[in-house]
Protein backbone atom coordinates (compact mmCIF):
# COMPACT_ATOMS: atom_id res chain seq x y z
CA MET A 1 124.34 98.02 76.78
CA VAL A 2 125.41 98.44 80.31
CA SER A 3 128.65 97.05 81.23
CA LEU A 4 129.17 95.61 84.77
CA VAL A 5 132.88 94.89 86.06
CA SER A 6 133.49 92.46 88.76
CA MET A 7 135.21 93.33 91.94
CA SER A 8 138.30 91.34 91.11
CA SER A 9 139.14 93.13 88.07
CA LEU A 10 138.97 96.53 89.62
CA GLY A 11 142.53 96.75 90.68
CA GLY A 12 141.78 95.87 94.20
CA ALA A 13 141.96 98.54 96.87
CA ALA A 14 142.51 101.33 94.15
CA PHE A 15 138.90 101.45 92.89
CA TRP A 16 137.86 101.76 96.49
CA VAL A 17 140.40 104.52 97.27
CA THR A 18 139.60 106.52 94.32
CA ARG A 19 135.96 106.34 94.28
CA LEU A 20 134.67 105.82 97.97
CA LEU A 21 137.49 107.15 100.22
CA PRO A 22 136.96 110.72 99.30
CA VAL A 23 133.00 110.50 99.58
CA LEU A 24 133.72 108.78 102.96
CA LEU A 25 135.72 111.90 104.07
CA VAL A 26 133.28 114.28 102.92
CA PHE A 27 130.51 112.49 104.48
CA LEU A 28 132.23 112.26 107.89
CA TYR A 29 133.16 116.08 107.84
CA ALA A 30 129.54 117.04 106.93
CA TYR A 31 127.71 114.73 109.39
CA TRP A 32 130.02 114.62 111.97
CA PRO A 33 127.53 116.62 114.35
CA THR A 34 124.77 114.39 113.49
CA LEU A 35 126.89 111.35 114.15
CA VAL A 36 127.99 112.75 117.61
CA TRP A 37 124.10 113.51 118.40
CA MET A 38 123.24 109.87 117.61
CA GLU A 39 126.07 108.46 119.75
CA ASP A 40 125.26 110.63 122.57
CA THR A 41 121.57 109.45 122.40
CA TRP A 42 122.88 105.79 122.30
CA SER A 43 124.87 106.25 125.35
CA ARG A 44 122.10 108.17 127.22
CA GLU A 45 118.93 106.39 126.28
CA PRO A 46 118.71 102.81 127.11
CA ASP A 47 115.89 102.40 124.21
CA TYR A 48 118.65 103.05 121.78
CA SER A 49 121.81 101.49 123.28
CA HIS A 50 121.52 98.97 120.56
CA GLY A 51 122.71 101.84 118.02
CA TYR A 52 126.35 100.76 118.35
CA LEU A 53 125.64 97.48 116.95
CA VAL A 54 123.64 98.32 114.11
CA PRO A 55 126.30 99.50 111.66
CA LEU A 56 128.27 96.19 112.42
CA LEU A 57 125.29 94.04 111.72
CA ALA A 58 124.68 96.10 108.51
CA ALA A 59 128.30 95.03 107.40
CA MET A 60 127.56 91.56 108.26
CA LEU A 61 124.47 91.72 105.94
CA LEU A 62 126.63 92.71 103.24
CA TRP A 63 129.37 90.20 103.86
CA HIS A 64 126.73 87.47 103.77
CA ARG A 65 125.47 88.64 100.44
CA THR A 66 128.82 88.98 98.80
CA ALA A 67 128.18 85.74 96.55
CA THR A 68 125.30 87.60 94.92
CA PHE A 69 127.12 91.03 94.51
CA PRO A 70 126.12 91.98 90.76
CA GLY A 71 129.26 93.82 89.88
CA VAL A 72 130.28 97.54 89.51
CA ARG A 73 129.20 99.70 86.55
CA ALA A 74 132.19 101.07 84.65
CA GLU A 75 130.58 104.41 84.42
CA PRO A 76 128.89 106.52 87.17
CA SER A 77 125.09 106.30 87.21
CA TYR A 78 124.10 109.92 87.47
CA ALA A 79 120.42 109.26 87.97
CA GLY A 80 121.42 108.49 91.56
CA LEU A 81 122.20 112.18 92.28
CA SER A 82 118.17 112.10 92.64
CA LEU A 83 118.60 110.26 96.20
CA VAL A 84 121.55 112.51 96.94
CA LEU A 85 119.40 115.50 96.35
CA LEU A 86 116.70 114.35 98.32
CA ALA A 87 119.24 113.89 101.24
CA VAL A 88 120.26 117.23 100.89
CA VAL A 89 116.71 118.63 100.95
CA MET A 90 115.87 116.46 104.10
CA ARG A 91 118.88 117.90 105.89
CA LEU A 92 118.19 121.46 105.04
CA ALA A 93 114.62 121.06 106.31
CA GLY A 94 116.02 119.28 109.55
CA ARG A 95 118.43 122.31 110.27
CA LEU A 96 115.71 124.83 109.40
CA LEU A 97 112.95 123.09 111.64
CA TYR A 98 115.19 122.12 114.21
CA MET A 99 114.50 118.59 113.58
CA ASP A 100 117.64 116.50 114.56
CA PHE A 101 115.92 113.14 113.47
CA LEU A 102 115.15 114.57 110.06
CA ASP A 103 118.87 115.28 109.66
CA ALA A 104 119.94 111.75 110.82
CA TYR A 105 117.17 110.17 108.37
CA SER A 106 118.92 111.94 105.46
CA ILE A 107 121.78 109.42 105.90
CA LEU A 108 119.68 106.62 104.50
CA PRO A 109 119.02 108.25 100.95
CA LEU A 110 122.45 109.66 100.77
CA ILE A 111 124.12 106.21 101.12
CA ALA A 112 121.71 104.79 98.66
CA GLY A 113 122.33 107.73 96.21
CA VAL A 114 126.08 107.34 96.55
CA VAL A 115 125.94 103.47 95.93
CA TRP A 116 123.83 104.07 93.04
CA VAL A 117 125.96 106.66 91.52
CA LEU A 118 129.42 105.15 92.23
CA ILE A 119 128.61 101.43 91.78
CA GLY A 120 125.35 101.19 89.98
CA PRO A 121 121.60 100.55 90.39
CA GLU A 122 122.13 96.78 90.46
CA ALA A 123 124.35 97.20 93.50
CA LEU A 124 121.81 99.37 95.13
CA VAL A 125 119.39 96.84 94.91
CA TRP A 126 121.73 94.29 96.35
CA ALA A 127 122.84 96.72 99.23
CA LEU A 128 119.32 97.77 100.02
CA PRO A 129 118.53 95.46 102.88
CA ALA A 130 121.71 96.54 104.75
CA ILE A 131 120.88 100.27 103.97
CA GLY A 132 117.37 99.82 105.30
CA PHE A 133 118.80 98.13 108.41
CA LEU A 134 120.73 101.37 109.38
CA PHE A 135 117.06 102.75 110.10
CA PHE A 136 117.31 100.97 113.51
CA MET A 137 120.28 103.14 114.59
CA ILE A 138 118.51 106.44 114.48
CA PRO A 139 116.35 107.70 117.26
CA LEU A 140 112.73 107.91 116.63
CA PRO A 141 111.18 111.35 116.42
CA TYR A 142 110.01 112.71 119.86
CA GLN A 143 106.31 112.86 118.87
CA ALA A 144 106.45 109.30 117.42
CA GLU A 145 108.41 107.85 120.43
CA SER A 146 105.78 109.40 122.87
CA LEU A 147 102.76 108.12 120.83
CA LEU A 148 104.19 104.55 120.50
CA SER A 149 105.33 104.41 124.17
CA TRP A 150 102.10 105.59 125.45
CA LYS A 151 100.23 103.06 123.32
CA LEU A 152 102.60 100.29 124.38
CA GLN A 153 101.99 101.39 128.06
CA GLY A 154 98.29 101.02 127.90
CA ILE A 155 98.50 97.62 126.32
CA ALA A 156 101.22 96.23 128.86
CA THR A 157 99.17 97.52 131.68
CA GLY A 158 95.89 95.56 130.43
CA LEU A 159 97.73 92.51 129.43
CA SER A 160 99.79 92.46 132.74
CA THR A 161 96.66 92.79 134.80
CA GLY A 162 95.10 90.02 133.04
CA LEU A 163 98.20 87.70 133.64
CA LEU A 164 98.29 88.61 137.18
CA ARG A 165 94.64 87.54 137.77
CA VAL A 166 95.48 84.36 136.03
CA PHE A 167 98.31 83.74 138.71
CA GLY A 168 95.64 84.41 141.19
CA GLN A 169 96.63 87.95 142.09
CA PRO A 170 93.86 90.58 143.00
CA ALA A 171 94.79 92.90 140.38
CA VAL A 172 93.04 96.02 138.95
CA SER A 173 94.23 98.47 136.45
CA GLU A 174 93.53 102.41 136.54
CA GLY A 175 95.29 104.04 133.64
CA HIS A 176 98.89 103.19 133.57
CA VAL A 177 98.73 102.00 137.37
CA ILE A 178 98.09 98.38 138.52
CA TRP A 179 97.00 97.98 141.98
CA ILE A 180 97.67 94.23 143.59
CA ALA A 181 95.75 94.39 146.77
CA GLU A 182 97.26 97.36 148.61
CA GLN A 183 100.33 97.42 146.40
CA ARG A 184 100.75 100.11 143.76
CA LEU A 185 102.74 99.39 140.66
CA VAL A 186 103.14 102.05 138.05
CA VAL A 187 103.83 101.25 134.41
CA GLU A 188 105.88 104.28 133.59
CA GLN A 189 107.08 105.25 130.04
CA ALA A 190 110.39 103.64 130.70
CA CYS A 191 108.57 100.46 131.28
CA SER A 192 106.41 100.69 127.98
CA GLY A 193 108.50 97.93 126.26
CA LEU A 194 109.75 100.30 123.48
CA ARG A 195 113.33 99.18 124.15
CA ILE A 196 112.41 95.48 123.72
CA PHE A 197 110.02 96.38 120.78
CA ILE A 198 112.86 98.04 118.83
CA GLY A 199 115.53 95.53 119.53
CA VAL A 200 113.18 92.53 118.75
CA ALA A 201 112.19 94.30 115.45
CA ALA A 202 115.83 94.95 114.60
CA LEU A 203 116.89 91.23 115.14
CA ALA A 204 113.74 89.98 113.22
CA PHE A 205 114.85 92.27 110.26
CA PHE A 206 118.45 91.04 110.52
CA TRP A 207 117.24 87.32 110.65
CA ALA A 208 114.60 87.91 107.77
CA VAL A 209 117.46 89.15 105.56
CA MET A 210 120.13 86.54 106.62
CA ALA A 211 117.74 83.53 106.24
CA ASP A 212 117.63 81.70 103.01
CA ARG A 213 113.82 81.64 102.77
CA ASN A 214 110.89 82.88 100.89
CA TRP A 215 108.87 86.15 101.39
CA ARG A 216 106.16 84.40 103.38
CA ASP A 217 108.67 83.01 105.94
CA ARG A 218 110.29 86.47 106.35
CA VAL A 219 107.01 88.18 106.73
CA VAL A 220 105.98 85.76 109.44
CA LEU A 221 109.04 86.68 111.10
CA LEU A 222 108.54 90.62 111.14
CA VAL A 223 104.81 90.33 111.85
CA ALA A 224 105.60 88.11 115.21
CA VAL A 225 107.49 91.24 116.42
CA VAL A 226 104.64 93.02 117.85
CA PRO A 227 102.83 90.45 119.81
CA LEU A 228 106.22 88.77 121.10
CA ALA A 229 107.50 92.25 122.26
CA ILE A 230 104.34 93.04 123.96
CA LEU A 231 104.22 89.60 125.65
CA VAL A 232 107.87 89.81 126.88
CA ASN A 233 107.27 93.23 128.31
CA ALA A 234 104.05 92.20 130.07
CA LEU A 235 105.76 89.15 131.48
CA ARG A 236 108.55 91.39 132.97
CA ILE A 237 105.79 93.57 134.57
CA VAL A 238 104.28 90.41 136.06
CA SER A 239 107.39 89.27 137.46
CA VAL A 240 108.36 92.54 138.96
CA GLY A 241 104.72 92.74 140.65
CA LEU A 242 104.91 89.13 141.91
CA LEU A 243 108.63 89.73 143.21
CA TYR A 244 107.58 93.11 144.86
CA LYS A 245 105.22 91.20 147.22
CA TRP A 246 108.38 89.23 148.63
CA PHE A 247 110.73 92.07 148.85
CA GLU A 248 109.69 95.53 150.39
CA SER A 249 113.21 96.92 150.39
CA GLU A 250 113.78 99.80 148.16
CA SER A 251 117.25 98.67 147.21
CA MET A 252 115.98 95.20 146.37
CA ARG A 253 113.15 96.68 144.45
CA ALA A 254 115.33 98.77 142.47
CA ALA A 255 117.56 95.80 141.78
CA ILE A 256 114.50 93.62 140.49
CA HIS A 257 113.33 96.39 138.23
CA ASP A 258 116.59 96.90 136.75
CA TRP A 259 117.49 93.20 136.26
CA THR A 260 114.14 92.24 134.99
CA GLY A 261 114.60 94.67 132.47
CA TYR A 262 118.09 93.44 131.57
CA LEU A 263 116.87 89.74 131.27
CA MET A 264 113.73 90.37 129.15
CA ILE A 265 115.80 91.36 126.08
CA PRO A 266 117.73 88.07 125.93
CA VAL A 267 114.34 86.27 126.66
CA ALA A 268 112.65 88.13 123.84
CA PHE A 269 115.47 87.18 121.47
CA ALA A 270 115.24 83.50 122.63
CA LEU A 271 111.57 83.30 122.08
CA LEU A 272 112.17 84.82 118.66
CA TRP A 273 114.65 82.27 117.67
CA LEU A 274 112.53 79.54 118.64
CA LEU A 275 109.69 80.81 116.77
CA LYS A 276 112.26 80.99 113.73
CA VAL A 277 113.26 77.50 114.29
CA TYR A 278 109.78 76.06 114.74
CA TRP A 279 108.45 77.78 111.51
CA GLN A 280 111.45 76.66 109.53
CA SER A 281 110.68 73.10 110.75
CA LEU A 282 107.13 73.48 109.55
CA TYR A 283 107.83 74.84 106.16
CA ARG A 284 111.15 73.81 104.55
CA PRO A 285 112.25 74.87 101.20
CA VAL A 286 111.66 72.44 98.33
CA GLU A 287 115.61 72.03 97.71
CA GLN A 288 116.08 70.90 101.45
CA LEU A 289 113.44 68.10 101.09
CA THR A 290 114.54 64.41 100.76
CA ALA A 291 113.08 61.42 99.50
CA LYS A 292 111.81 60.50 103.01
CA ASP A 293 109.66 63.46 103.03
CA PHE A 294 107.65 61.93 100.25
CA VAL A 295 107.42 58.25 101.39
CA PRO A 296 104.25 57.43 103.50
CA SER A 297 105.00 56.61 107.20
CA SER A 298 105.18 52.79 107.51
CA SER A 299 102.93 53.10 110.58
CA THR A 300 100.08 54.52 108.39
CA GLY A 301 97.66 51.35 107.33
CA ASN A 302 95.80 51.02 104.36
CA ALA A 303 91.99 51.68 104.47
C-alpha cells in the first residue's frame, strides 16, 4: 500500500532542504548556459519577451492548486527516473546536433521526473499543468518559427486586405505586400502576429487551468486563441495602413508601427477576457445555479 504524507507533517522546510535544494543546485549548475541562452533570447526577441513572466505564472498555478495537493510519498518513486533519462537523452542530442531548443525542452521532462521521483506520481499529475505551462518560456525551433510566421503572414495579409476594402480602401495584395492606391504596405515577418499568437496562447492556457470549469469550457478558450490572434494582428495592420495615409513623416510612421504593436497585445488580452466572461455567463456550472434559474419568467404567458 502506498503511503502519502501531508506537507505539514514533513518537518516543514527540512523536507524541501534535504530533498529539493540539492537537486535545484545541480540543475542550476548543469543548465546555467541553457538558462542564459533563453534569457538572452527573451531580451533580444520581442516575440519571446513574455518569457520572464512564465516561471512566475507557473508558480501561481501551483499556489492556486495547493488545496488539492495530494501529499508526498514517504519513499522515492524510482519509476520517475525514466523521465530524467529522457531529459538526459534530449540534452545530449541537442548538444551533438547543435540544437539549443532541444536542450531547453529537456527541462520539462527533467522537472517532471524529479517531481515524480521525490514527491510521487500523484504530485506529478497535480503539478503537470504548471510544468506544461513552462513550454511557453522556451523559444520555438527556428524552422518551426519561420514556418509559423510565414503562414501567419499570408493569413494576416489576406484578412487585412479584405478589412481595408470593407473600410472603403482600394486595397490589393501581392504576396506579403498590400497596395492601398499608391501606398505600399509590407507585412514583414516581424508583423506576422507571432508575438500576439504566443502571448494569447500562454494567457489562454493560464486561464484554462485557473478557471474552475469543465473541460469543454477550457477547450473553447484554447481553440479561440488562433482566430483571435489572427484577427487582432489584422486589425493592427489595418490601423497602420489607415494611419499611414494621414502621416507621411518617417518618424511618425515608425512611432505608429511600434505603438500599434504595443497596444494590440492588451487588446488581444481584453478580447480573450471578454470571450471568457461571455462564455461563462452562457454556461454556468450546476453548483452555481440558483432556484431562479429554474423558475419560468413571469413575462412568459401560457399557450
